[in-house]
């Protein structure tokens, strides 16, 4: 199974980056940088939620009832003329559910590292969240996942990297950032090329950012 960052490097990913960039008026390169950081963070947050029976049940319910992957079949239509308000509202609900009280801190952390202001980060995440759920829903159907352990395995597969431990610590740092900047600075060193030699998500992001 391809990881979420492999998706962003595919033709589908390029369509997503181009569409989100057009929707929010941000440069494509900056949008790609942000999505490269944000998609795994959201996926890790979903994985956290799925580690409890209630969280897994809620996520599976959303995938079964609404997010079946069909959003990916017509991304051109999704982005032409601007993303529909109902999609943005749906994205806002997904973010609220997945990130909970950490949503503002996560957005601030991503804003500081991407150089995109927090308001636009919030808009980009609202567009990205339903697409990410669509990716998950499509994978869920293909793998016929219907229980908690299967869901956790699916999310883990999408998060795969060369160095799971470092990848995990990067994602957890963003999710646990308290907004004081100290954790964010540590994470920045890892993401923006500081620890490129170690591989994993830090190295992958460093390579993608071309830093």
C-alpha atoms as a PDB file:
ATOM      1  CA  UNK A   1       0.000   0.000   0.000  1.00  0.00           C
ATOM      2  CA  UNK A   2       1.328   3.419  -0.928  1.00  0.00           C
ATOM      3  CA  UNK A   3       1.898   5.901   1.857  1.00  0.00           C
ATOM      4  CA  UNK A   4       0.150   9.259   2.085  1.00  0.00           C
ATOM      5  CA  UNK A   5       3.293  11.110   0.920  1.00  0.00           C
ATOM      6  CA  UNK A   6       3.531   8.823  -2.114  1.00  0.00           C
ATOM      7  CA  UNK A   7       0.007   9.977  -2.931  1.00  0.00           C
ATOM      8  CA  UNK A   8       1.070  13.629  -2.855  1.00  0.00           C
ATOM      9  CA  UNK A   9       3.824  12.866  -5.368  1.00  0.00           C
ATOM     10  CA  UNK A  10       1.425  11.106  -7.749  1.00  0.00           C
ATOM     11  CA  UNK A  11      -0.678  12.660 -10.522  1.00  0.00           C
ATOM     12  CA  UNK A  12      -3.642  12.642  -8.130  1.00  0.00           C
ATOM     13  CA  UNK A  13      -1.511  14.470  -5.573  1.00  0.00           C
ATOM     14  CA  UNK A  14      -0.489  17.097  -8.097  1.00  0.00           C
ATOM     15  CA  UNK A  15      -4.178  17.692  -8.878  1.00  0.00           C
ATOM     16  CA  UNK A  16      -4.898  18.067  -5.147  1.00  0.00           C
ATOM     17  CA  UNK A  17      -1.984  20.492  -4.632  1.00  0.00           C
ATOM     18  CA  UNK A  18      -2.936  22.551  -7.686  1.00  0.00           C
ATOM     19  CA  UNK A  19      -6.608  22.646  -6.672  1.00  0.00           C
ATOM     20  CA  UNK A  20      -5.941  23.570  -3.043  1.00  0.00           C
ATOM     21  CA  UNK A  21      -3.455  26.223  -4.177  1.00  0.00           C
ATOM     22  CA  UNK A  22      -6.037  27.749  -6.528  1.00  0.00           C
ATOM     23  CA  UNK A  23      -8.752  27.617  -3.864  1.00  0.00           C
ATOM     24  CA  UNK A  24      -6.679  29.443  -1.252  1.00  0.00           C
ATOM     25  CA  UNK A  25      -4.567  31.689  -3.496  1.00  0.00           C
ATOM     26  CA  UNK A  26      -1.310  30.309  -2.071  1.00  0.00           C
ATOM     27  CA  UNK A  27       1.726  29.469  -4.260  1.00  0.00           C
ATOM     28  CA  UNK A  28       1.800  25.818  -5.323  1.00  0.00           C
ATOM     29  CA  UNK A  29       5.219  25.197  -3.796  1.00  0.00           C
ATOM     30  CA  UNK A  30       4.147  26.512  -0.393  1.00  0.00           C
ATOM     31  CA  UNK A  31       0.896  24.580  -0.621  1.00  0.00           C
ATOM     32  CA  UNK A  32       2.809  21.381  -1.363  1.00  0.00           C
ATOM     33  CA  UNK A  33       5.163  22.020   1.572  1.00  0.00           C
ATOM     34  CA  UNK A  34       2.206  22.525   3.892  1.00  0.00           C
ATOM     35  CA  UNK A  35       0.284  19.465   2.691  1.00  0.00           C
ATOM     36  CA  UNK A  36       3.446  17.358   2.976  1.00  0.00           C
ATOM     37  CA  UNK A  37       3.567  18.254   6.658  1.00  0.00           C
ATOM     38  CA  UNK A  38      -0.155  18.400   7.339  1.00  0.00           C
ATOM     39  CA  UNK A  39      -1.418  15.177   5.731  1.00  0.00           C
ATOM     40  CA  UNK A  40       0.686  12.857   7.934  1.00  0.00           C
ATOM     41  CA  UNK A  41      -0.162  14.947  11.018  1.00  0.00           C
ATOM     42  CA  UNK A  42      -3.901  14.531  10.342  1.00  0.00           C
ATOM     43  CA  UNK A  43      -3.381  10.834   9.612  1.00  0.00           C
ATOM     44  CA  UNK A  44      -1.472  10.385  12.885  1.00  0.00           C
ATOM     45  CA  UNK A  45      -4.268  12.194  14.750  1.00  0.00           C
ATOM     46  CA  UNK A  46      -6.809   9.805  13.170  1.00  0.00           C
ATOM     47  CA  UNK A  47      -4.618   6.902  14.223  1.00  0.00           C
ATOM     48  CA  UNK A  48      -4.632   8.203  17.798  1.00  0.00           C
ATOM     49  CA  UNK A  49      -8.419   8.432  17.724  1.00  0.00           C
ATOM     50  CA  UNK A  50      -8.734   4.935  16.275  1.00  0.00           C
ATOM     51  CA  UNK A  51      -6.715   3.508  19.175  1.00  0.00           C
ATOM     52  CA  UNK A  52      -9.867   3.618  21.328  1.00  0.00           C
ATOM     53  CA  UNK A  53     -12.947   1.504  20.553  1.00  0.00           C
ATOM     54  CA  UNK A  54     -15.193   4.595  20.501  1.00  0.00           C
ATOM     55  CA  UNK A  55     -12.827   6.514  18.228  1.00  0.00           C
ATOM     56  CA  UNK A  56     -12.477   3.597  15.841  1.00  0.00           C
ATOM     57  CA  UNK A  57     -16.239   3.125  15.742  1.00  0.00           C
ATOM     58  CA  UNK A  58     -16.778   6.812  14.973  1.00  0.00           C
ATOM     59  CA  UNK A  59     -14.179   6.828  12.193  1.00  0.00           C
ATOM     60  CA  UNK A  60     -15.489   3.622  10.624  1.00  0.00           C
ATOM     61  CA  UNK A  61     -19.013   5.042  10.795  1.00  0.00           C
ATOM     62  CA  UNK A  62     -17.916   8.181   8.949  1.00  0.00           C
ATOM     63  CA  UNK A  63     -16.112   6.113   6.303  1.00  0.00           C
ATOM     64  CA  UNK A  64     -19.064   3.774   5.806  1.00  0.00           C
ATOM     65  CA  UNK A  65     -21.716   6.482   5.716  1.00  0.00           C
ATOM     66  CA  UNK A  66     -20.125   9.380   3.908  1.00  0.00           C
ATOM     67  CA  UNK A  67     -16.444   9.143   2.962  1.00  0.00           C
ATOM     68  CA  UNK A  68     -16.355   6.298   0.474  1.00  0.00           C
ATOM     69  CA  UNK A  69     -13.595   7.705  -1.724  1.00  0.00           C
ATOM     70  CA  UNK A  70     -15.919   9.069  -4.423  1.00  0.00           C
ATOM     71  CA  UNK A  71     -14.586  12.610  -3.793  1.00  0.00           C
ATOM     72  CA  UNK A  72     -11.369  11.459  -5.525  1.00  0.00           C
ATOM     73  CA  UNK A  73     -13.222  10.526  -8.715  1.00  0.00           C
ATOM     74  CA  UNK A  74     -13.970  14.110  -9.692  1.00  0.00           C
ATOM     75  CA  UNK A  75     -11.353  16.404  -8.195  1.00  0.00           C
ATOM     76  CA  UNK A  76     -11.526  18.597 -11.298  1.00  0.00           C
ATOM     77  CA  UNK A  77     -15.200  19.186 -10.559  1.00  0.00           C
ATOM     78  CA  UNK A  78     -14.472  19.736  -6.864  1.00  0.00           C
ATOM     79  CA  UNK A  79     -12.013  22.547  -7.565  1.00  0.00           C
ATOM     80  CA  UNK A  80     -13.570  24.145 -10.647  1.00  0.00           C
ATOM     81  CA  UNK A  81     -15.351  27.326  -9.629  1.00  0.00           C
ATOM     82  CA  UNK A  82     -14.154  27.001  -6.028  1.00  0.00           C
ATOM     83  CA  UNK A  83     -14.724  24.305  -3.435  1.00  0.00           C
ATOM     84  CA  UNK A  84     -18.337  24.041  -2.311  1.00  0.00           C
ATOM     85  CA  UNK A  85     -19.159  25.430   1.135  1.00  0.00           C
ATOM     86  CA  UNK A  86     -20.576  22.081   2.212  1.00  0.00           C
ATOM     87  CA  UNK A  87     -17.178  20.460   1.582  1.00  0.00           C
ATOM     88  CA  UNK A  88     -15.434  23.182   3.601  1.00  0.00           C
ATOM     89  CA  UNK A  89     -17.932  22.769   6.448  1.00  0.00           C
ATOM     90  CA  UNK A  90     -17.409  19.032   6.360  1.00  0.00           C
ATOM     91  CA  UNK A  91     -13.640  19.627   6.503  1.00  0.00           C
ATOM     92  CA  UNK A  92     -14.079  21.872   9.532  1.00  0.00           C
ATOM     93  CA  UNK A  93     -16.067  19.162  11.332  1.00  0.00           C
ATOM     94  CA  UNK A  94     -13.466  16.504  10.490  1.00  0.00           C
ATOM     95  CA  UNK A  95     -10.659  18.720  11.849  1.00  0.00           C
ATOM     96  CA  UNK A  96     -12.623  19.450  15.015  1.00  0.00           C
ATOM     97  CA  UNK A  97     -13.280  15.768  15.568  1.00  0.00           C
ATOM     98  CA  UNK A  98      -9.762  14.555  14.738  1.00  0.00           C
ATOM     99  CA  UNK A  99      -7.690  17.309  16.383  1.00  0.00           C
ATOM    100  CA  UNK A 100     -10.083  18.419  19.116  1.00  0.00           C
ATOM    101  CA  UNK A 101      -8.574  21.032  21.432  1.00  0.00           C
ATOM    102  CA  UNK A 102      -5.223  20.778  19.664  1.00  0.00           C
ATOM    103  CA  UNK A 103      -6.543  22.226  16.402  1.00  0.00           C
ATOM    104  CA  UNK A 104      -5.337  25.813  16.973  1.00  0.00           C
ATOM    105  CA  UNK A 105      -1.882  24.729  18.135  1.00  0.00           C
ATOM    106  CA  UNK A 106      -1.454  22.374  15.187  1.00  0.00           C
ATOM    107  CA  UNK A 107      -2.492  25.137  12.771  1.00  0.00           C
ATOM    108  CA  UNK A 108      -0.068  27.582  14.403  1.00  0.00           C
ATOM    109  CA  UNK A 109       2.775  25.043  14.248  1.00  0.00           C
ATOM    110  CA  UNK A 110       2.122  24.367  10.560  1.00  0.00           C
ATOM    111  CA  UNK A 111       1.790  28.099   9.887  1.00  0.00           C
ATOM    112  CA  UNK A 112       5.170  28.888  11.460  1.00  0.00           C
ATOM    113  CA  UNK A 113       6.927  26.184   9.504  1.00  0.00           C
ATOM    114  CA  UNK A 114       5.269  26.709   6.121  1.00  0.00           C
ATOM    115  CA  UNK A 115       5.336  30.504   6.132  1.00  0.00           C
ATOM    116  CA  UNK A 116       1.597  30.545   5.341  1.00  0.00           C
ATOM    117  CA  UNK A 117      -0.533  32.568   7.754  1.00  0.00           C
ATOM    118  CA  UNK A 118      -2.712  30.611  10.175  1.00  0.00           C
ATOM    119  CA  UNK A 119      -5.966  31.691   8.512  1.00  0.00           C
ATOM    120  CA  UNK A 120      -4.914  30.236   5.183  1.00  0.00           C
ATOM    121  CA  UNK A 121      -3.510  27.128   6.881  1.00  0.00           C
ATOM    122  CA  UNK A 122      -6.974  26.598   8.389  1.00  0.00           C
ATOM    123  CA  UNK A 123      -8.582  26.950   4.939  1.00  0.00           C
ATOM    124  CA  UNK A 124      -6.113  24.525   3.335  1.00  0.00           C
ATOM    125  CA  UNK A 125      -6.717  21.962   6.085  1.00  0.00           C
ATOM    126  CA  UNK A 126     -10.482  22.276   5.617  1.00  0.00           C
ATOM    127  CA  UNK A 127     -10.075  21.372   1.938  1.00  0.00           C
ATOM    128  CA  UNK A 128      -7.523  18.655   2.642  1.00  0.00           C
ATOM    129  CA  UNK A 129      -9.454  16.853   5.396  1.00  0.00           C
ATOM    130  CA  UNK A 130     -12.374  15.537   3.248  1.00  0.00           C
ATOM    131  CA  UNK A 131      -9.870  14.476   0.555  1.00  0.00           C
ATOM    132  CA  UNK A 132      -7.823  12.615   3.161  1.00  0.00           C
ATOM    133  CA  UNK A 133     -10.992  10.907   4.413  1.00  0.00           C
ATOM    134  CA  UNK A 134     -11.724   9.970   0.799  1.00  0.00           C
ATOM    135  CA  UNK A 135      -8.286   8.367   0.464  1.00  0.00           C
ATOM    136  CA  UNK A 136      -8.887   6.462   3.689  1.00  0.00           C
ATOM    137  CA  UNK A 137     -12.375   5.412   2.617  1.00  0.00           C
ATOM    138  CA  UNK A 138     -11.118   4.095  -0.701  1.00  0.00           C
ATOM    139  CA  UNK A 139      -8.353   2.100   0.989  1.00  0.00           C
ATOM    140  CA  UNK A 140     -10.813   0.811   3.583  1.00  0.00           C
ATOM    141  CA  UNK A 141     -13.076  -0.595   0.874  1.00  0.00           C
ATOM    142  CA  UNK A 142     -10.214  -2.160  -1.048  1.00  0.00           C
ATOM    143  CA  UNK A 143      -8.860  -3.825   2.101  1.00  0.00           C
ATOM    144  CA  UNK A 144     -12.382  -4.644   3.384  1.00  0.00           C
ATOM    145  CA  UNK A 145     -11.561  -3.226   6.811  1.00  0.00           C
ATOM    146  CA  UNK A 146     -14.431  -3.401   9.281  1.00  0.00           C
ATOM    147  CA  UNK A 147     -12.899  -3.420  12.780  1.00  0.00           C
ATOM    148  CA  UNK A 148     -10.554  -1.436  15.031  1.00  0.00           C
ATOM    149  CA  UNK A 149      -7.394  -3.484  14.481  1.00  0.00           C
ATOM    150  CA  UNK A 150      -7.871  -3.384  10.712  1.00  0.00           C
ATOM    151  CA  UNK A 151      -8.381   0.367  10.820  1.00  0.00           C
ATOM    152  CA  UNK A 152      -5.243   0.929  12.904  1.00  0.00           C
ATOM    153  CA  UNK A 153      -3.282  -1.253  10.476  1.00  0.00           C
ATOM    154  CA  UNK A 154      -4.631   0.713   7.521  1.00  0.00           C
ATOM    155  CA  UNK A 155      -3.646   4.050   9.067  1.00  0.00           C
ATOM    156  CA  UNK A 156      -0.244   2.668  10.014  1.00  0.00           C
ATOM    157  CA  UNK A 157       0.301   1.527   6.426  1.00  0.00           C
ATOM    158  CA  UNK A 158      -0.506   4.976   5.063  1.00  0.00           C
ATOM    159  CA  UNK A 159       1.993   6.460   7.532  1.00  0.00           C
ATOM    160  CA  UNK A 160       4.806   4.095   6.690  1.00  0.00           C
ATOM    161  CA  UNK A 161       8.307   5.511   6.447  1.00  0.00           C
ATOM    162  CA  UNK A 162      11.958   4.500   6.590  1.00  0.00           C
ATOM    163  CA  UNK A 163      12.270   5.340  10.258  1.00  0.00           C
ATOM    164  CA  UNK A 164       8.957   4.841  12.076  1.00  0.00           C
ATOM    165  CA  UNK A 165      10.309   5.992  15.424  1.00  0.00           C
ATOM    166  CA  UNK A 166      11.548   9.337  14.136  1.00  0.00           C
ATOM    167  CA  UNK A 167       8.429   9.779  12.038  1.00  0.00           C
ATOM    168  CA  UNK A 168       6.295   9.082  15.092  1.00  0.00           C
ATOM    169  CA  UNK A 169       8.184  11.577  17.251  1.00  0.00           C
ATOM    170  CA  UNK A 170       7.862  14.286  14.600  1.00  0.00           C
ATOM    171  CA  UNK A 171       4.106  13.801  14.286  1.00  0.00           C
ATOM    172  CA  UNK A 172       3.588  13.537  18.030  1.00  0.00           C
ATOM    173  CA  UNK A 173       5.597  16.740  18.537  1.00  0.00           C
ATOM    174  CA  UNK A 174       3.328  18.671  16.178  1.00  0.00           C
ATOM    175  CA  UNK A 175       0.220  17.186  17.780  1.00  0.00           C
ATOM    176  CA  UNK A 176       1.440  17.946  21.294  1.00  0.00           C
ATOM    177  CA  UNK A 177       2.797  21.420  20.542  1.00  0.00           C
ATOM    178  CA  UNK A 178       1.523  23.772  23.235  1.00  0.00           C
ATOM    179  CA  UNK A 179       2.046  26.852  21.114  1.00  0.00           C
ATOM    180  CA  UNK A 180       5.075  28.171  22.995  1.00  0.00           C
ATOM    181  CA  UNK A 181       7.315  27.642  19.999  1.00  0.00           C
ATOM    182  CA  UNK A 182       9.943  25.460  21.697  1.00  0.00           C
ATOM    183  CA  UNK A 183       8.669  22.111  20.456  1.00  0.00           C
ATOM    184  CA  UNK A 184       7.918  23.683  17.099  1.00  0.00           C
ATOM    185  CA  UNK A 185      11.526  24.847  16.746  1.00  0.00           C
ATOM    186  CA  UNK A 186      12.753  21.327  17.498  1.00  0.00           C
ATOM    187  CA  UNK A 187      10.378  19.911  14.937  1.00  0.00           C
ATOM    188  CA  UNK A 188      11.467  22.530  12.402  1.00  0.00           C
ATOM    189  CA  UNK A 189      15.054  21.401  12.681  1.00  0.00           C
ATOM    190  CA  UNK A 190      13.927  17.876  11.947  1.00  0.00           C
ATOM    191  CA  UNK A 191      11.570  18.744   9.123  1.00  0.00           C
ATOM    192  CA  UNK A 192      13.507  21.387   7.295  1.00  0.00           C
ATOM    193  CA  UNK A 193      16.599  19.325   6.768  1.00  0.00           C
ATOM    194  CA  UNK A 194      18.283  19.312  10.176  1.00  0.00           C
ATOM    195  CA  UNK A 195      18.127  15.540  10.519  1.00  0.00           C
ATOM    196  CA  UNK A 196      17.990  14.602   6.866  1.00  0.00           C
ATOM    197  CA  UNK A 197      20.630  11.904   7.216  1.00  0.00           C
ATOM    198  CA  UNK A 198      18.459   9.877   9.540  1.00  0.00           C
ATOM    199  CA  UNK A 199      15.851   9.184   6.882  1.00  0.00           C
ATOM    200  CA  UNK A 200      12.209   8.710   7.785  1.00  0.00           C
ATOM    201  CA  UNK A 201       9.721  11.530   7.497  1.00  0.00           C
ATOM    202  CA  UNK A 202      12.259  14.208   8.482  1.00  0.00           C
ATOM    203  CA  UNK A 203      14.587  13.200   5.665  1.00  0.00           C
ATOM    204  CA  UNK A 204      11.739  12.725   3.251  1.00  0.00           C
ATOM    205  CA  UNK A 205      10.340  16.158   3.987  1.00  0.00           C
ATOM    206  CA  UNK A 206      13.813  17.688   3.809  1.00  0.00           C
ATOM    207  CA  UNK A 207      14.235  16.147   0.375  1.00  0.00           C
ATOM    208  CA  UNK A 208      10.811  17.242  -0.806  1.00  0.00           C
ATOM    209  CA  UNK A 209      11.409  20.775   0.370  1.00  0.00           C
ATOM    210  CA  UNK A 210      14.700  20.854  -1.520  1.00  0.00           C
ATOM    211  CA  UNK A 211      16.401  22.432   1.488  1.00  0.00           C
END
